[in-house]
Protein backbone atom coordinates (compact mmCIF):
# COMPACT_ATOMS: atom_id res chain seq x y z
CA MET A 1 -46.02 10.93 5.28
CA ASN A 2 -49.22 12.89 4.59
CA LYS A 3 -51.77 12.86 7.38
CA LEU A 4 -55.11 14.67 7.72
CA GLU A 5 -57.10 15.41 10.91
CA VAL A 6 -60.79 14.63 10.47
CA PHE A 7 -63.97 13.88 12.43
CA LEU A 8 -65.16 10.36 12.21
CA LEU A 9 -68.80 9.46 11.86
CA THR A 10 -70.26 5.94 11.83
CA GLY A 11 -73.62 4.73 10.87
CA ARG A 12 -75.87 2.37 8.94
CA THR A 13 -75.62 1.91 5.14
CA ILE A 14 -77.66 -0.17 2.71
CA GLY A 15 -74.52 -2.05 1.75
CA GLN A 16 -73.68 -2.79 5.39
CA GLY A 17 -77.25 -4.17 5.87
CA GLN A 18 -77.13 -6.23 2.66
CA GLY A 19 -73.62 -7.58 3.66
CA LYS A 20 -74.98 -8.80 6.95
CA GLU A 21 -77.59 -10.82 5.05
CA HIS A 22 -74.74 -12.66 3.38
CA GLY A 23 -72.97 -13.26 6.75
CA LYS A 24 -70.31 -11.29 8.58
CA LEU A 25 -67.57 -13.55 7.15
CA SER A 26 -68.77 -12.86 3.52
CA LYS A 27 -66.87 -10.94 0.91
CA LYS A 28 -69.90 -8.67 0.48
CA TYR A 29 -69.96 -7.69 4.13
CA PHE A 30 -66.12 -7.06 4.13
CA GLU A 31 -66.34 -4.89 1.01
CA ASN A 32 -69.18 -2.80 2.46
CA VAL A 33 -67.99 -2.34 6.02
CA ALA A 34 -64.13 -2.32 5.88
CA VAL A 35 -64.31 1.04 4.03
CA CYS A 36 -64.00 4.74 4.72
CA GLN A 37 -66.00 7.27 2.77
CA MET A 38 -64.16 10.51 2.12
CA ASP A 39 -64.82 13.85 0.54
CA PRO A 40 -63.12 13.87 -2.96
CA GLU A 41 -61.19 17.11 -2.05
CA ASP A 42 -59.78 15.47 1.12
CA MET A 43 -58.79 12.48 -1.00
CA LYS A 44 -56.75 14.85 -3.23
CA ARG A 45 -55.21 16.55 -0.22
CA LEU A 46 -54.24 13.18 1.19
CA LYS A 47 -53.05 12.01 -2.21
CA VAL A 48 -55.17 8.76 -2.08
CA LYS A 49 -57.27 7.20 -4.84
CA GLU A 50 -60.45 5.19 -4.46
CA ASN A 51 -59.81 1.63 -3.17
CA SER A 52 -56.38 2.52 -1.77
CA ASN A 53 -55.73 1.68 1.86
CA VAL A 54 -55.74 4.24 4.65
CA LYS A 55 -55.03 4.03 8.39
CA ILE A 56 -57.53 5.76 10.67
CA THR A 57 -56.23 6.42 14.15
CA THR A 58 -58.16 7.79 17.17
CA LYS A 59 -57.24 7.83 20.86
CA PHE A 60 -59.18 4.54 21.10
CA GLY A 61 -57.24 2.61 18.40
CA SER A 62 -56.40 2.40 14.76
CA ILE A 63 -57.63 0.44 11.75
CA VAL A 64 -56.77 0.05 8.08
CA VAL A 65 -59.67 0.25 5.61
CA LYS A 66 -60.19 1.01 1.91
CA VAL A 67 -61.06 4.51 0.73
CA ALA A 68 -64.27 5.22 -1.11
CA LYS A 69 -65.25 8.48 -2.67
CA SER A 70 -68.26 9.88 -0.83
CA MET A 71 -71.22 10.81 -2.97
CA ARG A 72 -72.35 13.21 -0.26
CA LYS A 73 -70.34 16.36 -0.62
CA PRO A 74 -68.89 18.80 0.26
CA HIS A 75 -67.96 17.67 3.73
CA SER A 76 -64.30 18.36 4.04
CA GLY A 77 -62.74 17.10 7.31
CA VAL A 78 -65.41 14.45 7.90
CA VAL A 79 -65.09 10.72 7.10
CA PHE A 80 -67.62 7.94 7.45
CA ILE A 81 -67.25 4.26 8.32
CA PRO A 82 -70.28 1.94 8.28
CA TYR A 83 -71.13 0.28 11.56
CA GLY A 84 -69.26 -2.90 12.12
CA PRO A 85 -66.07 -4.42 13.61
CA TRP A 86 -63.73 -2.02 11.77
CA ALA A 87 -65.59 1.06 13.06
CA ASN A 88 -65.65 -0.45 16.54
CA MET A 89 -61.89 -0.51 16.64
CA VAL A 90 -61.72 3.31 16.54
CA VAL A 91 -64.66 4.47 18.66
CA ASN A 92 -64.88 4.79 22.42
CA PRO A 93 -66.10 1.45 23.85
CA GLU A 94 -67.27 3.14 27.06
CA THR A 95 -71.01 3.62 26.90
CA HIS A 96 -71.36 5.84 30.02
CA GLY A 97 -74.42 3.84 31.13
CA THR A 98 -76.35 4.22 27.92
CA GLY A 99 -75.45 0.93 26.30
CA MET A 100 -74.28 2.74 23.16
CA PRO A 101 -70.72 3.94 22.48
CA LEU A 102 -70.03 7.35 21.00
CA LEU A 103 -70.35 6.79 17.25
CA LYS A 104 -70.32 10.32 15.91
CA GLY A 105 -67.83 13.14 15.87
CA VAL A 106 -64.75 11.21 16.98
CA LYS A 107 -61.49 13.09 16.42
CA ALA A 108 -59.30 11.04 14.06
CA TRP A 109 -56.20 11.16 11.88
CA ILE A 110 -56.17 9.49 8.46
CA GLU A 111 -53.10 8.65 6.39
CA PRO A 112 -52.17 6.53 3.39
CA THR A 113 -50.65 3.11 4.20
CA ASP A 114 -49.25 0.05 2.59
CA GLU A 115 -50.64 -2.10 5.54
CA LYS A 116 -53.38 -4.43 4.45
CA VAL A 117 -56.97 -4.38 5.59
CA SER A 118 -57.55 -7.09 8.24
CA SER A 119 -60.16 -9.70 7.67
CA LEU A 120 -62.79 -10.15 10.38
CA PRO A 121 -61.03 -13.25 11.88
CA GLU A 122 -57.74 -11.32 11.92
CA LEU A 123 -59.41 -8.34 13.55
CA LEU A 124 -60.95 -10.57 16.26
CA LYS A 125 -57.65 -12.31 16.88
CA LYS A 126 -55.84 -9.00 17.26
CA SER A 127 -58.48 -7.65 19.54
CA PHE A 128 -59.11 -10.70 21.70
CA GLY A 129 -55.94 -12.84 21.15
CA LYS A 130 -57.85 -15.97 20.15
């Protein structure tokens, strides 16, 4: 299967903020946060189309999200996930005394997948077993 090594960035987005206003269990939040923005050329290399599922794996974990074409280009080799539970699954939870985990420049691998994107309750159950 096709796999691409990338650097993962996370951060705030307008959609992420708007989604939170609808509630973290809302469809709007899910659609705006369980997503990975990619450079269109990297999407071609990986042979994925917008809204297809990809698995992002780091040394801290892996997560399945939807692909979105990034409007900020070119930035080959860099993917972006908005702050939220899906991003938290693949960043280092250790804060090294700062109170904030490393949210930028995490080495990752991205690949197409037939696995589904987990809902927030499914993600929490997988993480905490409840």
